[in-house]
Amino acid sequence: MADGGLDLLVIGAHPDDAEVHAGGLLALAAKRGLAACILDLTSGDLGTRGTPETRRKEAMRAAELLGVERIILDFPDARFDDSERYRLAIMDVLRSTRPQVIVLPHPEDHHPDHRRTFHLGREAAYYAGLRNYPCEGQPWRPRAVAWVGGVNPPTPPDLVVDVSEVWEQRMAAFDAFGSQFSHDPSAPPTRIADPSFRGGIVGRAMHWGSLILASHAEGLWCEKPVTPALLELVGRLA
C-alpha cells in the first residue's frame, strides 16, 4: 500500500464484483498514479461454476491487469451476516489501508450478499473512525462513500466517469474470470455466463458514456450533497 493510504478502495462480496461494475474506475485510477485496491469479502466458494482456488487465481490476475492491489477476506460465501465479527474485519482493513474513498455494491442489489456488503461496509466506514471503538489500528474514516448501480439501477448515476481510454484493459480484467463469464456449453448454465450479461455491461457503459459524449463510462451513486472528496477523486480521474 502507498505510505499515505489508498485513494480508492472498491469493496465487493465476491471476486469479480468489482470488475463487473467498477473495473474502469480502478484501471483509470491506476493509470493516473492513484493508489487503488479491491477488497473481496468472500472467495465465492458457493458459486455454481469454478472453485475458490480458481476464482482466487482469476481475481489476482484481474487485479494485475487493472494495475491495482487486492485483498480477499474469505468470509463464508452466502453465510456471512451483519454481525460484529465481520464488521470488525472490514474495519481492520479500513484502518490499515486508510482509503480516501470507498465504493460499495448497490444497497438494493438483487443479490443478498451485495446488499449485506453495502450495509457492513457503510457501518464499518463510520465506526472505523471512532477513536474509542475496540478495534486494532488507528482510527480512520473514509472521506467519501459511494456505490455502484447494480444490474438494474433505479435512478441515473449521480456522477459519470469517462473510462473510454481504459475500456479494453477493463474488459480484459472482466474476461479474466473465465470460470464465471465464459460461454461454455459443457458447464452449468448461469445468467452471468450468458453472452447477454457481458453485452449488458458494454451497453450500459455506452449509455452512460453517451450522456457525456464519451464512448464508455461508469456511474457512481452517493448521498447528496456530493462530498468534495468524491468530486476531487473524479476530477483526478479526468
Protein backbone atom coordinates (compact mmCIF):
# COMPACT_ATOMS: atom_id res chain seq x y z
CA MET A 1 0.00 0.00 0.00
CA ALA A 2 1.03 3.60 -0.52
CA ASP A 3 2.53 5.20 2.60
CA GLY A 4 -0.20 7.80 2.66
CA GLY A 5 -3.01 5.29 2.29
CA LEU A 6 -5.33 4.44 -0.57
CA ASP A 7 -7.06 6.91 -2.82
CA LEU A 8 -9.74 4.37 -3.76
CA LEU A 9 -10.98 1.09 -2.25
CA VAL A 10 -13.69 -0.87 -4.10
CA ILE A 11 -15.43 -3.42 -1.89
CA GLY A 12 -17.32 -6.42 -3.29
CA ALA A 13 -18.89 -9.54 -1.88
CA HIS A 14 -17.23 -11.85 -4.40
CA PRO A 15 -14.21 -11.90 -6.70
CA ASP A 16 -15.38 -10.29 -9.98
CA ASP A 17 -17.94 -7.92 -8.39
CA ALA A 18 -15.51 -5.00 -8.62
CA GLU A 19 -14.64 -5.86 -12.23
CA VAL A 20 -18.30 -6.06 -13.24
CA HIS A 21 -19.22 -2.58 -12.01
CA ALA A 22 -16.06 -0.54 -11.39
CA GLY A 23 -13.26 -2.04 -13.44
CA GLY A 24 -12.88 1.12 -15.47
CA LEU A 25 -12.64 3.32 -12.38
CA LEU A 26 -9.92 1.08 -10.98
CA ALA A 27 -7.93 0.90 -14.22
CA LEU A 28 -8.19 4.67 -14.65
CA ALA A 29 -7.08 5.28 -11.06
CA ALA A 30 -4.01 3.12 -11.60
CA LYS A 31 -3.23 4.88 -14.87
CA ARG A 32 -3.42 8.25 -13.13
CA GLY A 33 -0.94 7.11 -10.49
CA LEU A 34 -3.51 6.80 -7.69
CA ALA A 35 -3.35 4.07 -5.07
CA ALA A 36 -6.31 1.75 -5.63
CA CYS A 37 -7.31 -1.63 -4.24
CA ILE A 38 -10.11 -4.20 -4.36
CA LEU A 39 -11.46 -5.81 -1.19
CA ASP A 40 -13.39 -9.06 -1.73
CA LEU A 41 -15.30 -10.27 1.32
CA THR A 42 -15.51 -13.89 0.11
CA SER A 43 -13.74 -16.15 -2.36
CA GLY A 44 -17.07 -17.08 -3.96
CA ASP A 45 -16.89 -20.62 -2.60
CA LEU A 46 -20.60 -21.35 -3.21
CA GLY A 47 -20.58 -20.22 -6.82
CA THR A 48 -22.20 -22.56 -9.35
CA ARG A 49 -19.09 -22.56 -11.51
CA GLY A 50 -15.41 -22.66 -10.63
CA THR A 51 -13.67 -23.38 -7.34
CA PRO A 52 -12.44 -20.98 -4.65
CA GLU A 53 -8.88 -21.70 -5.79
CA THR A 54 -9.70 -20.98 -9.43
CA ARG A 55 -11.57 -17.81 -8.56
CA ARG A 56 -8.69 -16.60 -6.38
CA LYS A 57 -6.24 -17.09 -9.25
CA GLU A 58 -8.58 -15.31 -11.64
CA ALA A 59 -9.05 -12.48 -9.14
CA MET A 60 -5.33 -11.89 -8.71
CA ARG A 61 -4.82 -11.96 -12.48
CA ALA A 62 -7.64 -9.45 -12.98
CA ALA A 63 -6.15 -7.12 -10.37
CA GLU A 64 -2.80 -7.37 -12.15
CA LEU A 65 -4.44 -6.41 -15.44
CA LEU A 66 -6.10 -3.41 -13.77
CA GLY A 67 -2.87 -2.39 -12.06
CA VAL A 68 -4.32 -2.48 -8.54
CA GLU A 69 -3.86 -4.44 -5.35
CA ARG A 70 -6.35 -6.95 -3.97
CA ILE A 71 -7.34 -8.26 -0.54
CA ILE A 72 -9.59 -11.31 -0.05
CA LEU A 73 -11.05 -11.80 3.43
CA ASP A 74 -12.55 -15.29 2.91
CA PHE A 75 -15.85 -14.68 4.67
CA PRO A 76 -18.13 -17.71 4.08
CA ASP A 77 -19.94 -17.09 0.80
CA ALA A 78 -23.70 -16.51 1.30
CA ARG A 79 -23.30 -17.29 5.01
CA PHE A 80 -21.73 -14.13 6.40
CA ASP A 81 -24.05 -11.79 8.24
CA ASP A 82 -24.00 -8.25 9.61
CA SER A 83 -22.56 -9.25 12.98
CA GLU A 84 -19.66 -7.61 14.77
CA ARG A 85 -17.03 -10.17 13.74
CA TYR A 86 -17.44 -9.37 10.06
CA ARG A 87 -17.73 -5.63 10.57
CA LEU A 88 -14.51 -5.67 12.61
CA ALA A 89 -12.67 -7.46 9.81
CA ILE A 90 -13.63 -4.71 7.37
CA MET A 91 -12.79 -2.02 9.91
CA ASP A 92 -9.33 -3.53 10.29
CA VAL A 93 -8.77 -3.22 6.52
CA LEU A 94 -10.03 0.37 6.51
CA ARG A 95 -7.73 1.35 9.37
CA SER A 96 -4.72 -0.33 7.78
CA THR A 97 -5.26 0.91 4.20
CA ARG A 98 -6.74 4.36 5.09
CA PRO A 99 -8.77 4.91 1.88
CA GLN A 100 -9.99 8.36 0.97
CA VAL A 101 -12.98 7.00 -0.98
CA ILE A 102 -14.71 3.62 -0.77
CA VAL A 103 -17.11 2.23 -3.38
CA LEU A 104 -19.71 -0.35 -2.32
CA PRO A 105 -22.33 -2.52 -4.05
CA HIS A 106 -25.78 -1.04 -4.51
CA PRO A 107 -27.87 -1.11 -1.30
CA GLU A 108 -30.85 -2.62 -3.17
CA ASP A 109 -28.97 -5.04 -5.43
CA HIS A 110 -30.85 -8.26 -6.19
CA HIS A 111 -28.08 -10.40 -4.63
CA PRO A 112 -28.41 -10.67 -0.81
CA ASP A 113 -24.62 -10.79 -0.37
CA HIS A 114 -24.28 -7.50 -2.23
CA ARG A 115 -26.91 -5.80 -0.09
CA ARG A 116 -25.26 -7.13 3.05
CA THR A 117 -21.85 -5.94 1.85
CA PHE A 118 -23.22 -2.43 1.39
CA HIS A 119 -24.56 -2.25 4.93
CA LEU A 120 -21.47 -3.84 6.50
CA GLY A 121 -19.17 -1.54 4.54
CA ARG A 122 -21.19 1.57 5.32
CA GLU A 123 -21.23 0.79 9.06
CA ALA A 124 -17.55 -0.17 9.10
CA ALA A 125 -16.62 3.10 7.39
CA TYR A 126 -18.30 5.05 10.16
CA TYR A 127 -17.22 3.00 13.17
CA ALA A 128 -13.61 2.75 11.98
CA GLY A 129 -13.35 6.48 12.66
CA LEU A 130 -14.33 6.22 16.33
CA ARG A 131 -11.21 6.58 18.44
CA ASN A 132 -12.55 4.50 21.34
CA TYR A 133 -14.03 1.68 19.30
CA PRO A 134 -12.42 -1.63 20.39
CA CYS A 135 -10.64 -2.32 17.12
CA GLU A 136 -7.00 -2.71 16.15
CA GLY A 137 -5.22 0.20 14.49
CA GLN A 138 -5.54 3.94 14.48
CA PRO A 139 -8.99 5.41 13.78
CA TRP A 140 -9.76 6.22 10.16
CA ARG A 141 -12.93 7.25 8.38
CA PRO A 142 -13.07 7.50 4.57
CA ARG A 143 -13.84 10.99 3.36
CA ALA A 144 -16.49 9.71 0.94
CA VAL A 145 -18.66 6.63 0.43
CA ALA A 146 -20.18 5.86 -2.97
CA TRP A 147 -21.80 2.84 -4.57
CA VAL A 148 -22.29 1.28 -7.97
CA GLY A 149 -25.63 0.78 -9.69
CA GLY A 150 -26.22 -2.96 -9.65
CA VAL A 151 -27.71 -4.69 -12.66
CA ASN A 152 -30.83 -2.50 -12.92
CA PRO A 153 -30.11 0.84 -11.23
CA PRO A 154 -33.40 2.57 -10.34
CA THR A 155 -32.04 6.07 -10.95
CA PRO A 156 -29.39 7.66 -13.21
CA PRO A 157 -25.89 7.96 -11.72
CA ASP A 158 -25.02 10.92 -9.56
CA LEU A 159 -21.56 11.02 -11.19
CA VAL A 160 -20.40 9.63 -14.52
CA VAL A 161 -16.73 8.92 -15.24
CA ASP A 162 -15.30 8.60 -18.75
CA VAL A 163 -13.41 5.27 -18.87
CA SER A 164 -13.01 5.11 -22.66
CA GLU A 165 -9.22 5.14 -22.62
CA VAL A 166 -9.01 2.05 -20.38
CA TRP A 167 -12.02 0.18 -21.74
CA GLU A 168 -10.11 -2.67 -23.38
CA GLN A 169 -7.97 -3.10 -20.26
CA ARG A 170 -11.09 -3.05 -18.08
CA MET A 171 -12.81 -5.74 -20.17
CA ALA A 172 -9.65 -7.87 -20.21
CA ALA A 173 -9.86 -7.93 -16.41
CA PHE A 174 -13.54 -8.90 -16.65
CA ASP A 175 -12.70 -11.70 -19.09
CA ALA A 176 -10.00 -12.99 -16.73
CA PHE A 177 -12.86 -14.61 -14.79
CA GLY A 178 -13.30 -17.38 -17.35
CA SER A 179 -14.87 -19.72 -14.82
CA GLN A 180 -17.73 -17.26 -14.33
CA PHE A 181 -18.27 -15.43 -17.60
CA SER A 182 -17.14 -17.69 -20.44
CA HIS A 183 -19.93 -19.23 -22.51
CA ASP A 184 -19.13 -22.92 -22.03
CA PRO A 185 -21.98 -25.27 -23.03
CA SER A 186 -20.38 -28.09 -21.04
CA ALA A 187 -20.54 -26.09 -17.78
CA PRO A 188 -23.67 -25.47 -15.69
CA PRO A 189 -25.67 -22.61 -17.25
CA THR A 190 -25.81 -19.37 -15.27
CA ARG A 191 -27.17 -15.91 -16.02
CA ILE A 192 -23.75 -14.27 -15.83
CA ALA A 193 -22.21 -16.82 -18.21
CA ASP A 194 -24.71 -15.98 -20.93
CA PRO A 195 -23.20 -13.63 -23.55
CA SER A 196 -26.05 -11.20 -22.90
CA PHE A 197 -24.63 -10.43 -19.44
CA ARG A 198 -21.36 -9.19 -20.94
CA GLY A 199 -23.34 -7.37 -23.58
CA GLY A 200 -25.34 -5.63 -20.87
CA ILE A 201 -22.17 -4.33 -19.24
CA VAL A 202 -20.93 -2.95 -22.54
CA GLY A 203 -24.31 -1.47 -23.42
CA ARG A 204 -24.72 0.21 -20.03
CA ALA A 205 -21.24 1.74 -20.28
CA MET A 206 -22.02 3.02 -23.76
CA HIS A 207 -25.28 4.52 -22.50
CA TRP A 208 -23.60 6.30 -19.56
CA GLY A 209 -20.89 7.40 -21.97
CA SER A 210 -23.43 8.89 -24.37
CA LEU A 211 -24.57 11.24 -21.59
CA ILE A 212 -21.14 12.88 -21.55
CA LEU A 213 -20.21 12.37 -25.23
CA ALA A 214 -17.78 9.53 -24.45
CA SER A 215 -17.65 6.01 -25.87
CA HIS A 216 -17.77 4.29 -22.45
CA ALA A 217 -18.38 5.49 -18.90
CA GLU A 218 -19.13 4.12 -15.43
CA GLY A 219 -21.52 5.57 -12.91
CA LEU A 220 -21.38 6.25 -9.19
CA TRP A 221 -24.20 6.93 -6.76
CA CYS A 222 -23.89 8.72 -3.42
CA GLU A 223 -25.70 10.72 -0.79
CA LYS A 224 -26.41 14.35 -1.58
CA PRO A 225 -24.89 16.83 -1.49
CA VAL A 226 -21.97 15.14 -3.21
CA THR A 227 -18.97 15.29 -0.90
CA PRO A 228 -15.91 17.30 -2.00
CA ALA A 229 -13.70 14.21 -1.60
CA LEU A 230 -15.71 12.30 -4.19
CA LEU A 231 -15.68 15.23 -6.59
CA GLU A 232 -11.94 15.52 -6.03
CA LEU A 233 -11.42 11.84 -6.91
CA VAL A 234 -13.48 12.12 -10.08
CA GLY A 235 -11.55 15.25 -11.01
CA ARG A 236 -8.25 13.41 -10.63
CA LEU A 237 -9.54 10.63 -12.87
CA ALA A 238 -10.49 13.06 -15.66
